[in-house]
Protein backbone atom coordinates (compact mmCIF):
# COMPACT_ATOMS: atom_id res chain seq x y z
CA MET A 1 21.93 -1.77 0.79
CA LEU A 2 18.91 -0.95 -1.32
CA GLU A 3 19.46 1.70 -3.99
CA LEU A 4 16.20 3.61 -4.11
CA LYS A 5 15.24 6.89 -5.68
CA ILE A 6 12.83 8.58 -3.27
CA LEU A 7 10.51 11.54 -3.83
CA LEU A 8 10.04 13.45 -0.56
CA ALA A 9 7.07 15.85 -0.60
CA GLU A 10 7.49 17.78 2.67
CA GLN A 11 6.47 21.42 3.16
CA ASP A 12 8.60 22.05 6.26
CA LYS A 13 12.04 22.96 4.91
CA ASP A 14 13.90 21.96 8.07
CA LEU A 15 12.12 18.60 8.40
CA ALA A 16 12.68 17.96 4.71
CA SER A 17 16.41 18.60 5.11
CA ILE A 18 16.71 16.36 8.19
CA THR A 19 14.78 13.55 6.49
CA LYS A 20 16.80 13.83 3.28
CA ASN A 21 20.10 13.73 5.17
CA TYR A 22 19.04 10.52 6.88
CA LEU A 23 17.82 8.90 3.67
CA VAL A 24 21.01 9.85 1.85
CA SER A 25 23.01 8.31 4.71
CA CYS A 26 21.07 5.09 4.03
CA GLY A 27 22.20 5.20 0.40
CA TYR A 28 18.93 6.50 -1.04
CA HIS A 29 18.89 9.23 -3.67
CA THR A 30 16.28 11.72 -2.42
CA GLN A 31 14.49 14.56 -4.22
CA ILE A 32 12.85 17.17 -1.96
CA CYS A 33 9.72 19.05 -3.06
CA LEU A 34 8.22 21.70 -0.76
CA ASN A 35 4.72 21.66 -2.27
CA GLY A 36 2.44 19.17 -3.95
CA GLU A 37 2.56 20.80 -7.39
CA ALA A 38 6.36 20.59 -7.53
CA ALA A 39 6.24 16.98 -6.36
CA LEU A 40 3.75 16.04 -9.06
CA GLN A 41 5.83 17.72 -11.76
CA HIS A 42 8.95 15.83 -10.65
CA PHE A 43 7.05 12.53 -10.53
CA ARG A 44 5.77 13.05 -14.07
CA LYS A 45 9.28 13.75 -15.38
CA GLU A 46 11.36 11.22 -13.44
CA GLN A 47 11.26 7.61 -12.34
CA PHE A 48 10.96 7.15 -8.56
CA ASP A 49 11.03 3.93 -6.54
CA PHE A 50 9.38 5.33 -3.42
CA VAL A 51 7.28 8.35 -2.40
CA LEU A 52 6.99 10.04 1.01
CA ILE A 53 4.16 12.57 1.34
CA ASP A 54 3.42 15.11 4.06
CA ILE A 55 -0.37 14.84 4.19
CA ASP A 56 -0.62 18.56 5.00
CA ILE A 57 1.43 19.68 2.01
CA THR A 58 -0.05 22.64 0.10
CA VAL A 59 -0.77 23.87 -3.46
CA ILE A 60 -1.82 20.29 -4.22
CA SER A 61 -2.90 18.46 -1.05
CA GLY A 62 -1.20 15.28 0.05
CA LEU A 63 -4.30 13.21 -0.70
CA ASP A 64 -4.72 14.68 -4.18
CA LEU A 65 -1.00 14.22 -4.87
CA ALA A 66 -1.23 10.53 -3.98
CA LYS A 67 -4.26 10.09 -6.23
CA GLU A 68 -2.44 11.73 -9.16
CA ILE A 69 0.60 9.54 -8.56
CA ARG A 70 -1.61 6.46 -8.48
CA HIS A 71 -3.10 7.45 -11.86
CA LYS A 72 0.40 7.43 -13.31
CA ASN A 73 1.88 4.52 -11.37
CA ARG A 74 -0.25 1.96 -9.53
CA PHE A 75 2.69 0.21 -7.92
CA VAL A 76 5.16 2.74 -6.52
CA PRO A 77 5.07 2.53 -2.68
CA ILE A 78 3.67 5.60 -0.89
CA ILE A 79 4.10 6.43 2.79
CA PHE A 80 2.10 9.31 4.24
CA ILE A 81 3.50 11.42 7.08
CA GLY A 82 1.14 13.31 9.40
CA THR A 83 1.02 15.10 12.74
CA LYS A 84 -1.48 13.58 15.18
CA PRO A 85 -3.78 12.33 12.40
CA ASN A 86 -7.30 11.28 13.27
CA GLN A 87 -8.87 8.00 12.24
CA ASN A 88 -10.73 9.43 9.24
CA GLU A 89 -7.59 11.10 7.92
CA ILE A 90 -5.67 7.84 8.04
CA ILE A 91 -8.47 5.97 6.27
CA ARG A 92 -8.61 8.67 3.55
CA ALA A 93 -4.87 8.30 3.10
CA PHE A 94 -5.14 4.56 2.52
CA ASN A 95 -8.09 5.09 0.17
CA ALA A 96 -5.92 7.52 -1.80
CA GLY A 97 -3.37 4.77 -2.34
CA ALA A 98 -1.08 4.78 0.70
CA ASP A 99 0.93 1.70 1.59
CA ASP A 100 1.68 3.01 5.07
CA PHE A 101 1.11 6.00 7.39
CA ILE A 102 3.64 7.24 9.93
CA SER A 103 2.69 9.78 12.62
CA ARG A 104 4.94 12.53 13.95
CA PRO A 105 6.92 12.52 16.10
CA PHE A 106 8.87 9.52 14.83
CA SER A 107 12.52 8.55 14.69
CA MET A 108 14.39 8.46 11.41
CA GLU A 109 15.24 4.85 12.21
CA GLU A 110 11.53 4.00 12.31
CA LEU A 111 11.02 5.59 8.91
CA GLY A 112 13.95 3.65 7.53
CA LEU A 113 12.58 0.37 8.89
CA ARG A 114 9.16 1.03 7.37
CA ILE A 115 10.72 1.70 3.97
CA LYS A 116 12.76 -1.50 4.20
CA ALA A 117 9.70 -3.52 5.30
CA ILE A 118 7.67 -2.42 2.29
CA GLN A 119 10.58 -3.12 -0.08
CA LYS A 120 11.20 -6.51 1.54
CA ARG A 121 7.54 -7.43 1.17
CA ALA A 122 7.64 -6.52 -2.52
CA LYS A 123 10.84 -8.49 -3.04
CA SER A 124 9.54 -11.54 -1.19
CA LEU A 125 6.81 -11.89 -3.81
CA GLU A 126 9.54 -12.56 -6.38
CA ASN A 127 10.39 -15.79 -4.56
CA LYS A 128 6.81 -17.00 -4.20
CA GLN A 129 4.36 -18.62 -6.53
CA HIS A 130 3.58 -15.97 -9.14
CA TYR A 131 0.17 -17.15 -10.32
CA PHE A 132 -2.87 -18.35 -8.41
CA THR A 133 -6.13 -19.49 -9.96
CA VAL A 134 -9.40 -19.85 -8.08
CA GLY A 135 -12.64 -20.29 -9.97
CA ALA A 136 -12.48 -17.98 -12.99
CA CYS A 137 -10.02 -15.60 -11.25
CA THR A 138 -6.26 -15.52 -11.71
CA LEU A 139 -3.87 -13.51 -9.54
CA ASP A 140 -0.63 -12.44 -11.25
CA THR A 141 1.78 -11.27 -8.54
CA LEU A 142 4.47 -10.30 -11.04
CA HIS A 143 2.30 -7.61 -12.59
CA ASN A 144 -0.11 -6.90 -9.70
CA VAL A 145 -3.08 -7.95 -11.81
CA LEU A 146 -6.26 -9.82 -10.90
CA THR A 147 -8.18 -11.26 -13.86
CA CYS A 148 -11.76 -12.45 -13.33
CA ASN A 149 -13.80 -13.74 -16.26
CA GLY A 150 -11.47 -11.96 -18.66
CA LYS A 151 -11.61 -8.58 -16.89
CA GLU A 152 -8.27 -7.28 -15.62
CA LYS A 153 -7.93 -5.24 -12.43
CA ARG A 154 -4.70 -3.55 -11.34
CA LEU A 155 -3.95 -3.96 -7.63
CA THR A 156 -2.20 -1.73 -5.14
CA ALA A 157 0.59 -3.24 -3.04
CA LYS A 158 -1.64 -3.88 -0.03
CA GLU A 159 -4.50 -5.23 -2.16
CA LEU A 160 -2.01 -7.66 -3.68
CA ASP A 161 -0.59 -8.74 -0.30
CA LEU A 162 -4.02 -9.31 1.24
CA LEU A 163 -5.42 -11.13 -1.79
CA TYR A 164 -2.29 -13.29 -1.99
CA LEU A 165 -2.89 -14.35 1.62
CA LEU A 166 -6.57 -15.10 0.95
CA PHE A 167 -5.69 -17.13 -2.15
CA GLU A 168 -3.10 -19.09 -0.13
CA TYR A 169 -5.80 -19.93 2.43
CA LYS A 170 -8.67 -20.53 -0.01
CA ASN A 171 -11.59 -22.34 1.64
CA ARG A 172 -9.89 -21.80 5.02
CA VAL A 173 -10.35 -19.01 7.53
CA VAL A 174 -7.73 -16.27 7.61
CA GLU A 175 -7.79 -14.95 11.17
CA ARG A 176 -7.68 -11.17 11.54
CA PRO A 177 -4.46 -11.09 13.63
CA LEU A 178 -2.65 -13.15 10.98
CA ALA A 179 -3.78 -10.85 8.16
CA LEU A 180 -2.87 -7.71 10.10
CA GLN A 181 0.60 -9.00 10.91
CA ARG A 182 1.30 -10.36 7.42
CA VAL A 183 0.04 -7.31 5.51
CA TRP A 184 0.22 -4.37 7.95
CA HIS A 185 2.84 -5.74 10.39
CA SER A 186 0.73 -4.47 13.30
CA ASP A 187 -2.72 -5.30 14.69
CA ASN A 188 -3.57 -1.86 16.08
CA TYR A 189 -7.04 -0.32 15.81
CA PHE A 190 -6.33 1.90 12.80
CA ASN A 191 -4.83 -0.94 10.78
CA ALA A 192 -7.82 -3.12 11.63
CA ARG A 193 -10.16 -0.46 10.25
CA ASN A 194 -8.01 -0.08 7.14
CA MET A 195 -8.10 -3.82 6.56
CA ASP A 196 -11.90 -3.72 6.56
CA VAL A 197 -11.74 -1.08 3.81
CA TYR A 198 -9.43 -3.26 1.74
CA VAL A 199 -11.63 -6.33 2.21
CA LYS A 200 -14.59 -4.36 0.80
CA ARG A 201 -12.48 -3.37 -2.20
CA LEU A 202 -11.41 -6.95 -2.86
CA ARG A 203 -14.98 -8.17 -2.54
CA LYS A 204 -15.98 -5.78 -5.33
CA LEU A 205 -13.11 -6.97 -7.52
CA LEU A 206 -14.01 -10.63 -7.03
CA CYS A 207 -17.73 -10.19 -7.72
CA GLU A 208 -17.08 -10.77 -11.45
CA ASP A 209 -16.93 -14.49 -10.63
CA PRO A 210 -20.08 -15.80 -8.85
CA SER A 211 -18.23 -18.94 -7.75
CA VAL A 212 -15.79 -16.90 -5.61
CA LYS A 213 -17.03 -15.33 -2.40
CA LEU A 214 -15.10 -13.41 0.24
CA GLU A 215 -16.99 -14.08 3.47
CA ASN A 216 -16.76 -12.53 6.93
CA VAL A 217 -16.35 -15.08 9.70
CA HIS A 218 -17.82 -13.12 12.59
CA GLY A 219 -15.35 -12.39 15.34
CA VAL A 220 -12.64 -14.49 13.66
CA GLY A 221 -11.60 -13.26 10.23
CA TYR A 222 -12.25 -13.85 6.54
CA LYS A 223 -12.63 -16.81 4.23
CA LEU A 224 -12.26 -16.99 0.45
CA VAL A 225 -14.83 -19.59 -0.54
CA ILE A 226 -14.74 -21.30 -3.92
CA GLU A 227 -18.18 -22.72 -4.73
CA PRO A 228 -18.81 -25.31 -7.46
CA LEU A 229 -21.01 -24.01 -10.28
């Protein structure tokens, strides 16, 4: 059983209590905060392994809270929780640094499985090749760092997972369904849109090296092309 310390930022006291009771039953130490300001203060003072954020939380909004957390810690997993979120809200959540988004109503078991999936994905990287080099770019999966022509870029968990896949398949096409299943574990419409956002981010990161190009293969997927200089 994983021993995690979880920060739960949930403004509904009853939902917070139900969620905490479930997480504690899973063996996770859980700190409840009923507003974004309290959650940020706790995060600044303590070390957490996981963060759950009600996107509608007040005082500091869920999106702003995630951004502040990302300034302090680029790697801690963040799951947003929302009620009937629209497409733009979900995209903003991922842009703020989310690793996942779960919509109410959901079962506690589903939440637990999502937490385990993210932790398993992070742990699986420990057993894989830790360094990849393409052109003048090096991917360090131990420290979530991409270095291109001497410039270091810190990566979020999903940026790392997607770039790892692209580096594995360098000069070959990564089909969209494969990427969605490997990185997002689902090929639904919202995840497909989120993947497009992440591809744009990675393209900007890789532009430091003119020999490395992340190309769209229309209707199929993406291809990391390494061109001789």
